[in-house]
Amino acid sequence: PGLSYTWIFNNNTLYLQEDSRRFVSQATGNLYLAKVEPWDVGNYTCAVSSAAAQRRVRGPPTALTLRGDGAMGEYEPKIEVRFPDTTYAAEGSSVRLECFALGK
């Protein structure tokens, strides 16, 4: 609790607006790109902040490159679901559950 995730792109903070193409999971910190565009190529670094510890830590950069052959990776179709066993919510409040469809 109290962790927040930010992604840095080519040494600049990446302010992502969730859309049909990009999403940052606040449960895992993972960055998801549904369709990679040429302007997405570069180095991505995840930064994790803790309000309680008043600290921010950056991970190592990960390079994103485009394949020239147009082939997709070897990912079998699957649904990634990371729901907790039990989710509690007060009446009238909102709950956000994350589910991702992956595949070729």
N, C-alpha and C. Protein backbone atom coordinates (compact mmCIF):
# COMPACT_ATOMS: atom_id res chain seq x y z
N PRO A 1 0.83 -1.20 0.00
CA PRO A 1 0.00 0.00 0.00
C PRO A 1 0.87 1.26 0.00
N GLY A 2 0.39 2.28 -0.67
CA GLY A 2 1.13 3.52 -0.70
C GLY A 2 2.18 3.60 -1.78
N LEU A 3 2.28 2.56 -2.65
CA LEU A 3 3.23 2.60 -3.75
C LEU A 3 2.57 3.19 -4.98
N SER A 4 3.34 3.94 -5.75
CA SER A 4 2.85 4.41 -7.04
C SER A 4 3.96 4.20 -8.06
N TYR A 5 3.56 3.95 -9.30
CA TYR A 5 4.48 3.61 -10.37
C TYR A 5 4.46 4.67 -11.45
N THR A 6 5.65 5.04 -11.91
CA THR A 6 5.81 5.99 -12.99
C THR A 6 6.81 5.40 -13.98
N TRP A 7 6.61 5.66 -15.26
CA TRP A 7 7.55 5.20 -16.27
C TRP A 7 8.30 6.39 -16.85
N ILE A 8 9.59 6.19 -17.06
CA ILE A 8 10.46 7.21 -17.63
C ILE A 8 10.87 6.73 -19.02
N PHE A 9 10.70 7.59 -20.02
CA PHE A 9 11.00 7.25 -21.41
C PHE A 9 12.14 8.14 -21.87
N ASN A 10 13.27 7.51 -22.25
CA ASN A 10 14.46 8.25 -22.70
C ASN A 10 14.81 9.38 -21.73
N ASN A 11 14.84 9.05 -20.42
CA ASN A 11 15.20 9.97 -19.34
C ASN A 11 14.21 11.11 -19.10
N ASN A 12 13.00 11.00 -19.67
CA ASN A 12 11.94 11.97 -19.42
C ASN A 12 10.76 11.25 -18.82
N THR A 13 10.15 11.84 -17.79
CA THR A 13 8.97 11.22 -17.19
C THR A 13 7.90 11.06 -18.24
N LEU A 14 7.35 9.88 -18.32
CA LEU A 14 6.32 9.56 -19.32
C LEU A 14 4.96 9.74 -18.66
N TYR A 15 4.26 10.78 -19.04
CA TYR A 15 2.93 11.00 -18.50
C TYR A 15 1.95 10.28 -19.41
N LEU A 16 1.50 9.14 -18.95
CA LEU A 16 0.61 8.31 -19.77
C LEU A 16 -0.83 8.62 -19.47
N GLN A 17 -1.57 8.84 -20.50
CA GLN A 17 -3.00 8.89 -20.36
C GLN A 17 -3.50 7.54 -20.82
N GLU A 18 -4.27 6.89 -19.97
CA GLU A 18 -4.79 5.59 -20.35
C GLU A 18 -5.65 5.74 -21.59
N ASP A 19 -5.39 4.89 -22.55
CA ASP A 19 -6.18 4.88 -23.77
C ASP A 19 -6.28 3.45 -24.24
N SER A 20 -6.71 3.23 -25.46
CA SER A 20 -6.88 1.88 -25.97
C SER A 20 -5.53 1.23 -26.27
N ARG A 21 -4.43 1.97 -26.17
CA ARG A 21 -3.13 1.46 -26.56
C ARG A 21 -2.14 1.30 -25.40
N ARG A 22 -2.23 2.15 -24.37
CA ARG A 22 -1.25 2.13 -23.29
C ARG A 22 -1.92 2.14 -21.92
N PHE A 23 -1.28 1.41 -20.98
CA PHE A 23 -1.85 1.31 -19.64
C PHE A 23 -0.74 0.96 -18.66
N VAL A 24 -0.72 1.59 -17.49
CA VAL A 24 0.20 1.24 -16.41
C VAL A 24 -0.62 0.64 -15.29
N SER A 25 -0.29 -0.59 -14.92
CA SER A 25 -0.98 -1.25 -13.81
C SER A 25 -0.48 -0.68 -12.49
N GLN A 26 -1.38 -0.16 -11.68
CA GLN A 26 -0.98 0.33 -10.37
C GLN A 26 -0.90 -0.81 -9.36
N ALA A 27 -1.30 -2.01 -9.77
CA ALA A 27 -1.16 -3.19 -8.91
C ALA A 27 0.24 -3.79 -9.05
N THR A 28 0.76 -3.83 -10.29
CA THR A 28 2.06 -4.47 -10.54
C THR A 28 3.12 -3.49 -11.02
N GLY A 29 2.72 -2.33 -11.53
CA GLY A 29 3.67 -1.38 -12.10
C GLY A 29 3.99 -1.66 -13.55
N ASN A 30 3.46 -2.75 -14.10
CA ASN A 30 3.76 -3.11 -15.49
C ASN A 30 3.20 -2.08 -16.47
N LEU A 31 3.96 -1.84 -17.53
CA LEU A 31 3.53 -0.98 -18.62
C LEU A 31 3.08 -1.89 -19.75
N TYR A 32 1.87 -1.69 -20.24
CA TYR A 32 1.33 -2.50 -21.33
C TYR A 32 1.13 -1.63 -22.56
N LEU A 33 1.61 -2.09 -23.70
CA LEU A 33 1.39 -1.43 -24.98
C LEU A 33 0.63 -2.42 -25.86
N ALA A 34 -0.56 -2.04 -26.29
CA ALA A 34 -1.37 -2.93 -27.10
C ALA A 34 -0.89 -2.96 -28.55
N LYS A 35 -0.33 -1.86 -29.01
CA LYS A 35 0.18 -1.77 -30.38
C LYS A 35 1.37 -0.83 -30.37
N VAL A 36 2.54 -1.34 -30.72
CA VAL A 36 3.75 -0.53 -30.70
C VAL A 36 3.84 0.29 -31.98
N GLU A 37 4.10 1.58 -31.80
CA GLU A 37 4.27 2.50 -32.92
C GLU A 37 5.74 2.91 -33.00
N PRO A 38 6.20 3.40 -34.15
CA PRO A 38 7.62 3.78 -34.28
C PRO A 38 8.08 4.78 -33.21
N TRP A 39 7.22 5.69 -32.77
CA TRP A 39 7.62 6.68 -31.77
C TRP A 39 7.71 6.08 -30.36
N ASP A 40 7.35 4.80 -30.19
CA ASP A 40 7.48 4.14 -28.89
C ASP A 40 8.88 3.58 -28.66
N VAL A 41 9.72 3.54 -29.70
CA VAL A 41 11.06 2.98 -29.60
C VAL A 41 11.92 3.85 -28.70
N GLY A 42 12.62 3.22 -27.76
CA GLY A 42 13.50 3.96 -26.85
C GLY A 42 13.74 3.16 -25.59
N ASN A 43 14.22 3.83 -24.56
CA ASN A 43 14.52 3.20 -23.29
C ASN A 43 13.46 3.55 -22.25
N TYR A 44 12.95 2.53 -21.58
CA TYR A 44 11.91 2.68 -20.55
C TYR A 44 12.49 2.29 -19.21
N THR A 45 12.22 3.11 -18.19
CA THR A 45 12.67 2.84 -16.83
C THR A 45 11.48 3.02 -15.90
N CYS A 46 11.28 2.05 -15.00
CA CYS A 46 10.20 2.14 -14.03
C CYS A 46 10.71 2.80 -12.76
N ALA A 47 9.92 3.73 -12.23
CA ALA A 47 10.24 4.37 -10.95
C ALA A 47 9.11 4.07 -9.97
N VAL A 48 9.46 3.60 -8.79
CA VAL A 48 8.48 3.27 -7.76
C VAL A 48 8.63 4.26 -6.61
N SER A 49 7.51 4.86 -6.22
CA SER A 49 7.52 5.82 -5.12
C SER A 49 6.72 5.26 -3.95
N SER A 50 7.23 5.54 -2.76
CA SER A 50 6.54 5.16 -1.53
C SER A 50 6.26 6.42 -0.73
N ALA A 51 4.99 6.73 -0.55
CA ALA A 51 4.62 7.91 0.23
C ALA A 51 5.04 7.72 1.69
N ALA A 52 4.87 6.51 2.22
CA ALA A 52 5.20 6.26 3.62
C ALA A 52 6.70 6.41 3.88
N ALA A 53 7.52 5.90 2.99
CA ALA A 53 8.97 5.98 3.16
C ALA A 53 9.56 7.27 2.60
N GLN A 54 8.73 8.04 1.90
CA GLN A 54 9.18 9.26 1.24
C GLN A 54 10.42 9.00 0.40
N ARG A 55 10.29 7.97 -0.46
CA ARG A 55 11.43 7.53 -1.25
C ARG A 55 10.98 7.14 -2.65
N ARG A 56 11.87 7.33 -3.62
CA ARG A 56 11.61 6.93 -5.00
C ARG A 56 12.82 6.15 -5.51
N VAL A 57 12.56 5.00 -6.10
CA VAL A 57 13.63 4.13 -6.60
C VAL A 57 13.39 3.87 -8.09
N ARG A 58 14.47 3.95 -8.87
CA ARG A 58 14.39 3.68 -10.30
C ARG A 58 15.02 2.33 -10.61
N GLY A 59 14.38 1.58 -11.51
CA GLY A 59 14.93 0.32 -11.96
C GLY A 59 15.86 0.54 -13.14
N PRO A 60 16.42 -0.54 -13.67
CA PRO A 60 17.30 -0.42 -14.83
C PRO A 60 16.48 -0.13 -16.10
N PRO A 61 17.07 0.57 -17.08
CA PRO A 61 16.33 0.84 -18.32
C PRO A 61 16.15 -0.43 -19.15
N THR A 62 15.03 -0.48 -19.85
CA THR A 62 14.73 -1.57 -20.78
C THR A 62 14.51 -0.96 -22.15
N ALA A 63 15.25 -1.46 -23.14
CA ALA A 63 15.14 -0.93 -24.49
C ALA A 63 13.97 -1.58 -25.23
N LEU A 64 13.22 -0.76 -25.94
CA LEU A 64 12.15 -1.25 -26.81
C LEU A 64 12.56 -0.97 -28.24
N THR A 65 12.61 -2.01 -29.06
CA THR A 65 12.96 -1.88 -30.48
C THR A 65 11.86 -2.50 -31.32
N LEU A 66 11.78 -2.11 -32.57
CA LEU A 66 10.81 -2.69 -33.50
C LEU A 66 11.49 -3.77 -34.32
N ARG A 67 10.76 -4.83 -34.55
CA ARG A 67 11.27 -5.87 -35.43
C ARG A 67 11.03 -5.43 -36.87
N GLY A 68 12.02 -5.63 -37.71
CA GLY A 68 11.90 -5.23 -39.10
C GLY A 68 11.09 -6.19 -39.96
N ASP A 69 10.94 -7.44 -39.48
CA ASP A 69 10.24 -8.44 -40.29
C ASP A 69 8.73 -8.44 -40.09
N GLY A 70 8.24 -7.62 -39.16
CA GLY A 70 6.80 -7.53 -38.94
C GLY A 70 6.22 -8.71 -38.18
N ALA A 71 7.06 -9.67 -37.79
CA ALA A 71 6.57 -10.84 -37.07
C ALA A 71 6.31 -10.50 -35.61
N MET A 72 5.28 -11.09 -35.09
CA MET A 72 4.99 -10.92 -33.67
C MET A 72 5.76 -11.96 -32.88
N GLY A 73 5.86 -11.78 -31.61
CA GLY A 73 6.56 -12.73 -30.75
C GLY A 73 5.80 -14.04 -30.65
N GLU A 74 6.36 -14.93 -29.93
CA GLU A 74 5.77 -16.26 -29.75
C GLU A 74 4.88 -16.28 -28.52
N TYR A 75 3.85 -15.49 -28.53
CA TYR A 75 2.94 -15.42 -27.38
C TYR A 75 1.65 -16.12 -27.70
N GLU A 76 1.36 -17.15 -26.92
CA GLU A 76 0.09 -17.85 -27.12
C GLU A 76 -1.04 -16.98 -26.58
N PRO A 77 -2.22 -17.07 -27.18
CA PRO A 77 -3.35 -16.29 -26.66
C PRO A 77 -3.66 -16.72 -25.23
N LYS A 78 -3.81 -15.75 -24.35
CA LYS A 78 -4.19 -16.05 -22.97
C LYS A 78 -4.73 -14.79 -22.33
N ILE A 79 -5.44 -14.98 -21.25
CA ILE A 79 -5.97 -13.89 -20.46
C ILE A 79 -5.18 -13.83 -19.16
N GLU A 80 -4.59 -12.67 -18.87
CA GLU A 80 -3.86 -12.46 -17.62
C GLU A 80 -4.82 -11.86 -16.61
N VAL A 81 -5.09 -12.60 -15.56
CA VAL A 81 -5.99 -12.12 -14.53
C VAL A 81 -5.27 -12.20 -13.20
N ARG A 82 -5.24 -11.11 -12.48
CA ARG A 82 -4.61 -11.09 -11.15
C ARG A 82 -5.58 -10.52 -10.13
N PHE A 83 -6.72 -11.15 -10.01
CA PHE A 83 -7.70 -10.68 -9.05
C PHE A 83 -7.37 -11.25 -7.68
N PRO A 84 -7.56 -10.47 -6.62
CA PRO A 84 -7.39 -11.02 -5.28
C PRO A 84 -8.49 -12.04 -5.00
N ASP A 85 -8.24 -12.95 -4.06
CA ASP A 85 -9.25 -13.95 -3.71
C ASP A 85 -10.55 -13.30 -3.27
N THR A 86 -10.43 -12.21 -2.51
CA THR A 86 -11.60 -11.48 -2.02
C THR A 86 -11.36 -10.00 -2.22
N THR A 87 -12.37 -9.32 -2.72
CA THR A 87 -12.29 -7.87 -2.88
C THR A 87 -13.41 -7.24 -2.08
N TYR A 88 -13.07 -6.32 -1.19
CA TYR A 88 -14.05 -5.64 -0.37
C TYR A 88 -14.27 -4.23 -0.90
N ALA A 89 -15.51 -3.81 -0.88
CA ALA A 89 -15.83 -2.44 -1.31
C ALA A 89 -17.04 -1.96 -0.53
N ALA A 90 -17.01 -0.69 -0.19
CA ALA A 90 -18.16 -0.09 0.49
C ALA A 90 -19.25 0.15 -0.55
N GLU A 91 -20.49 0.04 -0.12
CA GLU A 91 -21.61 0.27 -1.02
C GLU A 91 -21.50 1.67 -1.63
N GLY A 92 -21.66 1.75 -2.95
CA GLY A 92 -21.59 3.02 -3.65
C GLY A 92 -20.18 3.42 -4.07
N SER A 93 -19.17 2.64 -3.67
CA SER A 93 -17.79 2.97 -4.07
C SER A 93 -17.44 2.22 -5.35
N SER A 94 -16.30 2.55 -5.92
CA SER A 94 -15.84 1.92 -7.15
C SER A 94 -14.71 0.95 -6.86
N VAL A 95 -14.64 -0.12 -7.64
CA VAL A 95 -13.56 -1.10 -7.55
C VAL A 95 -12.99 -1.27 -8.94
N ARG A 96 -11.66 -1.33 -9.03
CA ARG A 96 -11.01 -1.50 -10.32
C ARG A 96 -10.32 -2.86 -10.35
N LEU A 97 -10.65 -3.69 -11.32
CA LEU A 97 -10.04 -4.98 -11.51
C LEU A 97 -9.30 -4.96 -12.85
N GLU A 98 -8.09 -5.51 -12.88
CA GLU A 98 -7.30 -5.49 -14.10
C GLU A 98 -7.30 -6.86 -14.76
N CYS A 99 -7.55 -6.87 -16.06
CA CYS A 99 -7.56 -8.08 -16.85
C CYS A 99 -6.97 -7.74 -18.22
N PHE A 100 -6.02 -8.55 -18.70
CA PHE A 100 -5.35 -8.26 -19.96
C PHE A 100 -5.45 -9.45 -20.90
N ALA A 101 -5.77 -9.18 -22.14
CA ALA A 101 -5.77 -10.23 -23.18
C ALA A 101 -4.46 -10.11 -23.95
N LEU A 102 -3.71 -11.20 -23.98
CA LEU A 102 -2.44 -11.25 -24.69
C LEU A 102 -2.54 -12.28 -25.81
N GLY A 103 -1.73 -12.12 -26.80
CA GLY A 103 -1.69 -13.16 -27.83
C GLY A 103 -1.36 -12.66 -29.20
N LYS A 104 -1.36 -13.59 -30.10
CA LYS A 104 -0.95 -13.35 -31.47
C LYS A 104 -2.15 -13.30 -32.37
